[in-house]
Amino acid sequence: MVELMSQARIVANINYRYLEPITMVGALFLAGSVPAVAGLCLLERRYGLGRKYKDLSVF
């Protein structure tokens, strides 16, 4: 992710257009992280590896 962001900054500095490359990096990050989180939630439900002490939750 850090490498992708640095490449976006290089492209933005060359073209003087900062919105498009940085927005694309954010969209790619969301496209990868949202399915990963959903998959992890499914794994937690299937194997029961959630929090053991739900009443002591911080949130």
N, C-alpha and C. Protein backbone atom coordinates (compact mmCIF):
# COMPACT_ATOMS: atom_id res chain seq x y z
N MET A 1 0.82 -1.19 0.00
CA MET A 1 0.00 0.00 0.00
C MET A 1 0.87 1.26 0.00
N VAL A 2 1.94 1.22 0.76
CA VAL A 2 2.83 2.38 0.82
C VAL A 2 3.47 2.62 -0.54
N GLU A 3 3.87 1.55 -1.21
CA GLU A 3 4.48 1.69 -2.53
C GLU A 3 3.49 2.23 -3.55
N LEU A 4 2.26 1.78 -3.47
CA LEU A 4 1.23 2.26 -4.39
C LEU A 4 0.96 3.75 -4.18
N MET A 5 0.95 4.17 -2.92
CA MET A 5 0.72 5.59 -2.61
C MET A 5 1.89 6.45 -3.09
N SER A 6 3.09 5.95 -2.94
CA SER A 6 4.24 6.74 -3.40
C SER A 6 4.26 6.85 -4.92
N GLN A 7 3.84 5.78 -5.60
CA GLN A 7 3.75 5.86 -7.07
C GLN A 7 2.65 6.84 -7.49
N ALA A 8 1.56 6.88 -6.76
CA ALA A 8 0.50 7.84 -7.07
C ALA A 8 0.98 9.26 -6.88
N ARG A 9 1.80 9.48 -5.84
CA ARG A 9 2.34 10.84 -5.65
C ARG A 9 3.31 11.22 -6.76
N ILE A 10 4.09 10.26 -7.25
CA ILE A 10 5.01 10.55 -8.35
C ILE A 10 4.22 10.92 -9.60
N VAL A 11 3.19 10.15 -9.91
CA VAL A 11 2.34 10.45 -11.07
C VAL A 11 1.67 11.81 -10.90
N ALA A 12 1.20 12.09 -9.69
CA ALA A 12 0.53 13.37 -9.43
C ALA A 12 1.50 14.53 -9.58
N ASN A 13 2.73 14.36 -9.14
CA ASN A 13 3.71 15.43 -9.27
C ASN A 13 4.09 15.68 -10.72
N ILE A 14 4.08 14.65 -11.53
CA ILE A 14 4.41 14.82 -12.95
C ILE A 14 3.28 15.55 -13.67
N ASN A 15 2.04 15.16 -13.39
CA ASN A 15 0.89 15.70 -14.11
C ASN A 15 0.23 16.89 -13.43
N TYR A 16 0.61 17.19 -12.20
CA TYR A 16 -0.01 18.25 -11.40
C TYR A 16 -1.50 18.02 -11.20
N ARG A 17 -1.90 16.76 -11.18
CA ARG A 17 -3.28 16.38 -10.90
C ARG A 17 -3.24 15.38 -9.75
N TYR A 18 -3.65 15.80 -8.59
CA TYR A 18 -3.49 15.00 -7.38
C TYR A 18 -4.73 14.18 -7.04
N LEU A 19 -5.89 14.64 -7.45
CA LEU A 19 -7.13 14.00 -7.04
C LEU A 19 -7.29 12.60 -7.63
N GLU A 20 -7.03 12.45 -8.92
CA GLU A 20 -7.29 11.18 -9.59
C GLU A 20 -6.40 10.04 -9.08
N PRO A 21 -5.07 10.21 -9.02
CA PRO A 21 -4.25 9.07 -8.59
C PRO A 21 -4.48 8.68 -7.13
N ILE A 22 -4.65 9.65 -6.26
CA ILE A 22 -4.84 9.34 -4.85
C ILE A 22 -6.22 8.74 -4.62
N THR A 23 -7.23 9.17 -5.38
CA THR A 23 -8.55 8.56 -5.30
C THR A 23 -8.52 7.12 -5.78
N MET A 24 -7.76 6.85 -6.81
CA MET A 24 -7.64 5.48 -7.31
C MET A 24 -6.97 4.57 -6.28
N VAL A 25 -5.97 5.08 -5.59
CA VAL A 25 -5.32 4.28 -4.54
C VAL A 25 -6.32 3.98 -3.43
N GLY A 26 -7.12 4.96 -3.04
CA GLY A 26 -8.14 4.73 -2.02
C GLY A 26 -9.18 3.72 -2.46
N ALA A 27 -9.59 3.79 -3.72
CA ALA A 27 -10.58 2.84 -4.23
C ALA A 27 -10.00 1.43 -4.28
N LEU A 28 -8.75 1.30 -4.67
CA LEU A 28 -8.11 -0.02 -4.69
C LEU A 28 -7.97 -0.57 -3.27
N PHE A 29 -7.65 0.30 -2.33
CA PHE A 29 -7.55 -0.15 -0.94
C PHE A 29 -8.89 -0.66 -0.43
N LEU A 30 -9.96 0.08 -0.71
CA LEU A 30 -11.29 -0.36 -0.29
C LEU A 30 -11.71 -1.64 -1.00
N ALA A 31 -11.37 -1.75 -2.29
CA ALA A 31 -11.74 -2.94 -3.05
C ALA A 31 -11.04 -4.19 -2.51
N GLY A 32 -9.89 -4.01 -1.89
CA GLY A 32 -9.20 -5.15 -1.31
C GLY A 32 -9.54 -5.40 0.14
N SER A 33 -9.77 -4.34 0.90
CA SER A 33 -9.95 -4.51 2.34
C SER A 33 -11.38 -4.91 2.72
N VAL A 34 -12.37 -4.43 2.02
CA VAL A 34 -13.76 -4.77 2.37
C VAL A 34 -14.04 -6.26 2.18
N PRO A 35 -13.67 -6.88 1.06
CA PRO A 35 -13.87 -8.32 0.96
C PRO A 35 -13.02 -9.12 1.96
N ALA A 36 -11.84 -8.63 2.27
CA ALA A 36 -11.00 -9.32 3.25
C ALA A 36 -11.64 -9.31 4.63
N VAL A 37 -12.20 -8.19 5.02
CA VAL A 37 -12.87 -8.09 6.32
C VAL A 37 -14.12 -8.97 6.34
N ALA A 38 -14.86 -8.97 5.25
CA ALA A 38 -16.06 -9.81 5.18
C ALA A 38 -15.68 -11.28 5.27
N GLY A 39 -14.61 -11.67 4.61
CA GLY A 39 -14.15 -13.04 4.70
C GLY A 39 -13.70 -13.42 6.09
N LEU A 40 -13.02 -12.52 6.77
CA LEU A 40 -12.60 -12.79 8.15
C LEU A 40 -13.79 -12.91 9.08
N CYS A 41 -14.82 -12.11 8.87
CA CYS A 41 -16.03 -12.22 9.70
C CYS A 41 -16.70 -13.58 9.49
N LEU A 42 -16.73 -14.04 8.26
CA LEU A 42 -17.30 -15.35 7.99
C LEU A 42 -16.49 -16.47 8.66
N LEU A 43 -15.17 -16.34 8.62
CA LEU A 43 -14.33 -17.33 9.28
C LEU A 43 -14.52 -17.33 10.79
N GLU A 44 -14.67 -16.16 11.38
CA GLU A 44 -14.91 -16.08 12.82
C GLU A 44 -16.23 -16.74 13.19
N ARG A 45 -17.25 -16.52 12.38
CA ARG A 45 -18.55 -17.14 12.67
C ARG A 45 -18.48 -18.65 12.52
N ARG A 46 -17.77 -19.10 11.50
CA ARG A 46 -17.72 -20.54 11.25
C ARG A 46 -16.93 -21.29 12.32
N TYR A 47 -15.80 -20.76 12.71
CA TYR A 47 -14.93 -21.46 13.65
C TYR A 47 -15.08 -20.96 15.09
N GLY A 48 -15.90 -19.96 15.32
CA GLY A 48 -16.18 -19.50 16.67
C GLY A 48 -15.00 -18.88 17.37
N LEU A 49 -14.21 -18.13 16.66
CA LEU A 49 -13.02 -17.52 17.25
C LEU A 49 -13.22 -16.04 17.55
N GLY A 50 -14.44 -15.66 17.88
CA GLY A 50 -14.71 -14.27 18.24
C GLY A 50 -14.20 -13.96 19.63
N ARG A 51 -14.62 -12.87 20.18
CA ARG A 51 -14.21 -12.51 21.54
C ARG A 51 -14.80 -13.47 22.54
N LYS A 52 -13.99 -13.88 23.49
CA LYS A 52 -14.48 -14.80 24.51
C LYS A 52 -15.26 -14.06 25.59
N TYR A 53 -14.89 -12.86 25.86
CA TYR A 53 -15.52 -12.08 26.92
C TYR A 53 -16.24 -10.89 26.30
N LYS A 54 -17.41 -11.11 25.77
CA LYS A 54 -18.13 -10.06 25.08
C LYS A 54 -18.66 -8.98 26.01
N ASP A 55 -18.85 -9.30 27.30
CA ASP A 55 -19.36 -8.30 28.22
C ASP A 55 -18.26 -7.31 28.63
N LEU A 56 -16.99 -7.62 28.36
CA LEU A 56 -15.91 -6.70 28.68
C LEU A 56 -15.46 -5.90 27.47
N SER A 57 -16.32 -5.78 26.49
CA SER A 57 -15.98 -5.10 25.26
C SER A 57 -15.73 -3.60 25.52
N VAL A 58 -14.78 -3.07 24.79
CA VAL A 58 -14.44 -1.66 24.91
C VAL A 58 -15.47 -0.80 24.21
N PHE A 59 -16.01 -1.31 23.13
CA PHE A 59 -16.95 -0.52 22.32
C PHE A 59 -18.35 -0.86 22.69
